[in-house]
Amino acid sequence: MATIRPSSDLRNKYNEISDFCHTYNEPVFITKNGTGDLVVLSNTDYERLSGKHELYRLLEEGFTSMKEGRGRSATEVLDSLEKEFGLRG
């Protein structure tokens, strides 16, 4: 369940919010005048979320290239990896 706190808690209960984010690996939603305003995450969770976003972006880019005929076959990719890194199948 989402944890929702008023903006005044950022000033008055910062350590409590920080401890919650680090302990439960969940965001805290901050409201301003009763309306959603911010989301607070630990650095670790933010980096994980950003990494997933980048991975999905790169996958979409790859799928688009494949659909447009700009991609390489799996055999070509594996052959180039084998040559570059000296891998043997």
C-alpha atoms as a PDB file:
ATOM      1  CA  MET A   1       0.000   0.000   0.000  1.00  0.00           C
ATOM      2  CA  ALA A   2       1.264   3.460  -0.865  1.00  0.00           C
ATOM      3  CA  THR A   3       2.786   5.592   1.875  1.00  0.00           C
ATOM      4  CA  ILE A   4       1.493   9.141   1.615  1.00  0.00           C
ATOM      5  CA  ARG A   5       2.842  11.981   3.760  1.00  0.00           C
ATOM      6  CA  PRO A   6       2.253  15.741   3.835  1.00  0.00           C
ATOM      7  CA  SER A   7       5.027  18.041   2.616  1.00  0.00           C
ATOM      8  CA  SER A   8       5.614  19.280   6.168  1.00  0.00           C
ATOM      9  CA  ASP A   9       6.962  15.803   7.012  1.00  0.00           C
ATOM     10  CA  LEU A  10       9.916  16.399   4.693  1.00  0.00           C
ATOM     11  CA  ARG A  11      11.093  19.118   7.050  1.00  0.00           C
ATOM     12  CA  ASN A  12       9.869  17.717  10.355  1.00  0.00           C
ATOM     13  CA  LYS A  13      10.336  13.960   9.863  1.00  0.00           C
ATOM     14  CA  TYR A  14      13.021  13.650   7.197  1.00  0.00           C
ATOM     15  CA  ASN A  15      14.924  10.880   9.001  1.00  0.00           C
ATOM     16  CA  GLU A  16      11.748   8.849   9.434  1.00  0.00           C
ATOM     17  CA  ILE A  17      10.980   9.100   5.700  1.00  0.00           C
ATOM     18  CA  SER A  18      14.566   8.247   4.788  1.00  0.00           C
ATOM     19  CA  ASP A  19      14.597   5.221   7.106  1.00  0.00           C
ATOM     20  CA  PHE A  20      11.304   4.001   5.640  1.00  0.00           C
ATOM     21  CA  CYS A  21      12.559   4.269   2.037  1.00  0.00           C
ATOM     22  CA  HIS A  22      15.783   2.407   2.849  1.00  0.00           C
ATOM     23  CA  THR A  23      14.162  -0.249   5.038  1.00  0.00           C
ATOM     24  CA  TYR A  24      11.210  -1.148   2.825  1.00  0.00           C
ATOM     25  CA  ASN A  25      12.633  -0.204  -0.604  1.00  0.00           C
ATOM     26  CA  GLU A  26       9.425   1.650  -1.365  1.00  0.00           C
ATOM     27  CA  PRO A  27       8.700   5.233  -2.358  1.00  0.00           C
ATOM     28  CA  VAL A  28       6.960   7.786  -0.162  1.00  0.00           C
ATOM     29  CA  PHE A  29       4.423  10.012  -1.898  1.00  0.00           C
ATOM     30  CA  ILE A  30       4.465  13.622  -0.691  1.00  0.00           C
ATOM     31  CA  THR A  31       1.385  15.795  -0.919  1.00  0.00           C
ATOM     32  CA  LYS A  32       1.149  19.582  -1.048  1.00  0.00           C
ATOM     33  CA  ASN A  33      -2.181  21.079  -0.013  1.00  0.00           C
ATOM     34  CA  GLY A  34      -3.731  17.615  -0.233  1.00  0.00           C
ATOM     35  CA  THR A  35      -2.588  16.965  -3.807  1.00  0.00           C
ATOM     36  CA  GLY A  36       0.192  14.641  -4.994  1.00  0.00           C
ATOM     37  CA  ASP A  37       3.400  16.602  -5.519  1.00  0.00           C
ATOM     38  CA  LEU A  38       6.587  14.514  -5.114  1.00  0.00           C
ATOM     39  CA  VAL A  39       7.804  10.960  -4.815  1.00  0.00           C
ATOM     40  CA  VAL A  40      10.788  10.227  -2.559  1.00  0.00           C
ATOM     41  CA  LEU A  41      12.989   7.173  -3.241  1.00  0.00           C
ATOM     42  CA  SER A  42      16.297   5.935  -1.922  1.00  0.00           C
ATOM     43  CA  ASN A  43      19.236   6.437  -4.287  1.00  0.00           C
ATOM     44  CA  THR A  44      19.494   2.673  -4.746  1.00  0.00           C
ATOM     45  CA  ASP A  45      15.866   2.341  -5.801  1.00  0.00           C
ATOM     46  CA  TYR A  46      16.123   5.362  -8.091  1.00  0.00           C
ATOM     47  CA  GLU A  47      19.187   3.899  -9.833  1.00  0.00           C
ATOM     48  CA  ARG A  48      17.434   0.524 -10.201  1.00  0.00           C
ATOM     49  CA  LEU A  49      14.349   2.195 -11.665  1.00  0.00           C
ATOM     50  CA  SER A  50      16.451   4.367 -13.996  1.00  0.00           C
ATOM     51  CA  GLY A  51      18.385   1.303 -15.135  1.00  0.00           C
ATOM     52  CA  LYS A  52      15.189  -0.521 -15.998  1.00  0.00           C
ATOM     53  CA  HIS A  53      13.948   2.489 -17.925  1.00  0.00           C
ATOM     54  CA  GLU A  54      17.216   2.627 -19.908  1.00  0.00           C
ATOM     55  CA  LEU A  55      17.046  -1.113 -20.612  1.00  0.00           C
ATOM     56  CA  TYR A  56      13.477  -0.828 -21.906  1.00  0.00           C
ATOM     57  CA  ARG A  57      14.487   2.161 -24.065  1.00  0.00           C
ATOM     58  CA  LEU A  58      17.381   0.221 -25.594  1.00  0.00           C
ATOM     59  CA  LEU A  59      15.194  -2.838 -26.190  1.00  0.00           C
ATOM     60  CA  GLU A  60      12.599  -0.684 -27.934  1.00  0.00           C
ATOM     61  CA  GLU A  61      15.339   0.877 -30.040  1.00  0.00           C
ATOM     62  CA  GLY A  62      16.538  -2.594 -31.009  1.00  0.00           C
ATOM     63  CA  PHE A  63      13.045  -3.826 -31.870  1.00  0.00           C
ATOM     64  CA  THR A  64      12.460  -0.739 -33.995  1.00  0.00           C
ATOM     65  CA  SER A  65      15.738  -1.360 -35.846  1.00  0.00           C
ATOM     66  CA  MET A  66      14.740  -4.968 -36.472  1.00  0.00           C
ATOM     67  CA  LYS A  67      11.333  -3.948 -37.820  1.00  0.00           C
ATOM     68  CA  GLU A  68      13.012  -1.465 -40.165  1.00  0.00           C
ATOM     69  CA  GLY A  69      15.434  -4.115 -41.392  1.00  0.00           C
ATOM     70  CA  ARG A  70      18.493  -2.442 -39.857  1.00  0.00           C
ATOM     71  CA  GLY A  71      19.304  -5.244 -37.419  1.00  0.00           C
ATOM     72  CA  ARG A  72      21.757  -8.134 -37.686  1.00  0.00           C
ATOM     73  CA  SER A  73      20.924 -11.807 -37.423  1.00  0.00           C
ATOM     74  CA  ALA A  74      21.646 -13.675 -34.198  1.00  0.00           C
ATOM     75  CA  THR A  75      24.345 -15.635 -36.022  1.00  0.00           C
ATOM     76  CA  GLU A  76      26.097 -12.417 -37.080  1.00  0.00           C
ATOM     77  CA  VAL A  77      25.970 -11.035 -33.550  1.00  0.00           C
ATOM     78  CA  LEU A  78      27.272 -14.262 -31.997  1.00  0.00           C
ATOM     79  CA  ASP A  79      30.038 -14.518 -34.609  1.00  0.00           C
ATOM     80  CA  SER A  80      31.186 -10.961 -33.879  1.00  0.00           C
ATOM     81  CA  LEU A  81      31.134 -11.632 -30.106  1.00  0.00           C
ATOM     82  CA  GLU A  82      33.147 -14.787 -30.641  1.00  0.00           C
ATOM     83  CA  LYS A  83      35.744 -12.895 -32.654  1.00  0.00           C
ATOM     84  CA  GLU A  84      35.884  -9.924 -30.279  1.00  0.00           C
ATOM     85  CA  PHE A  85      36.090 -11.888 -27.037  1.00  0.00           C
ATOM     86  CA  GLY A  86      37.591 -15.156 -28.238  1.00  0.00           C
ATOM     87  CA  LEU A  87      34.537 -17.158 -27.252  1.00  0.00           C
ATOM     88  CA  ARG A  88      34.143 -20.669 -28.576  1.00  0.00           C
ATOM     89  CA  GLY A  89      30.759 -22.342 -28.930  1.00  0.00           C
END
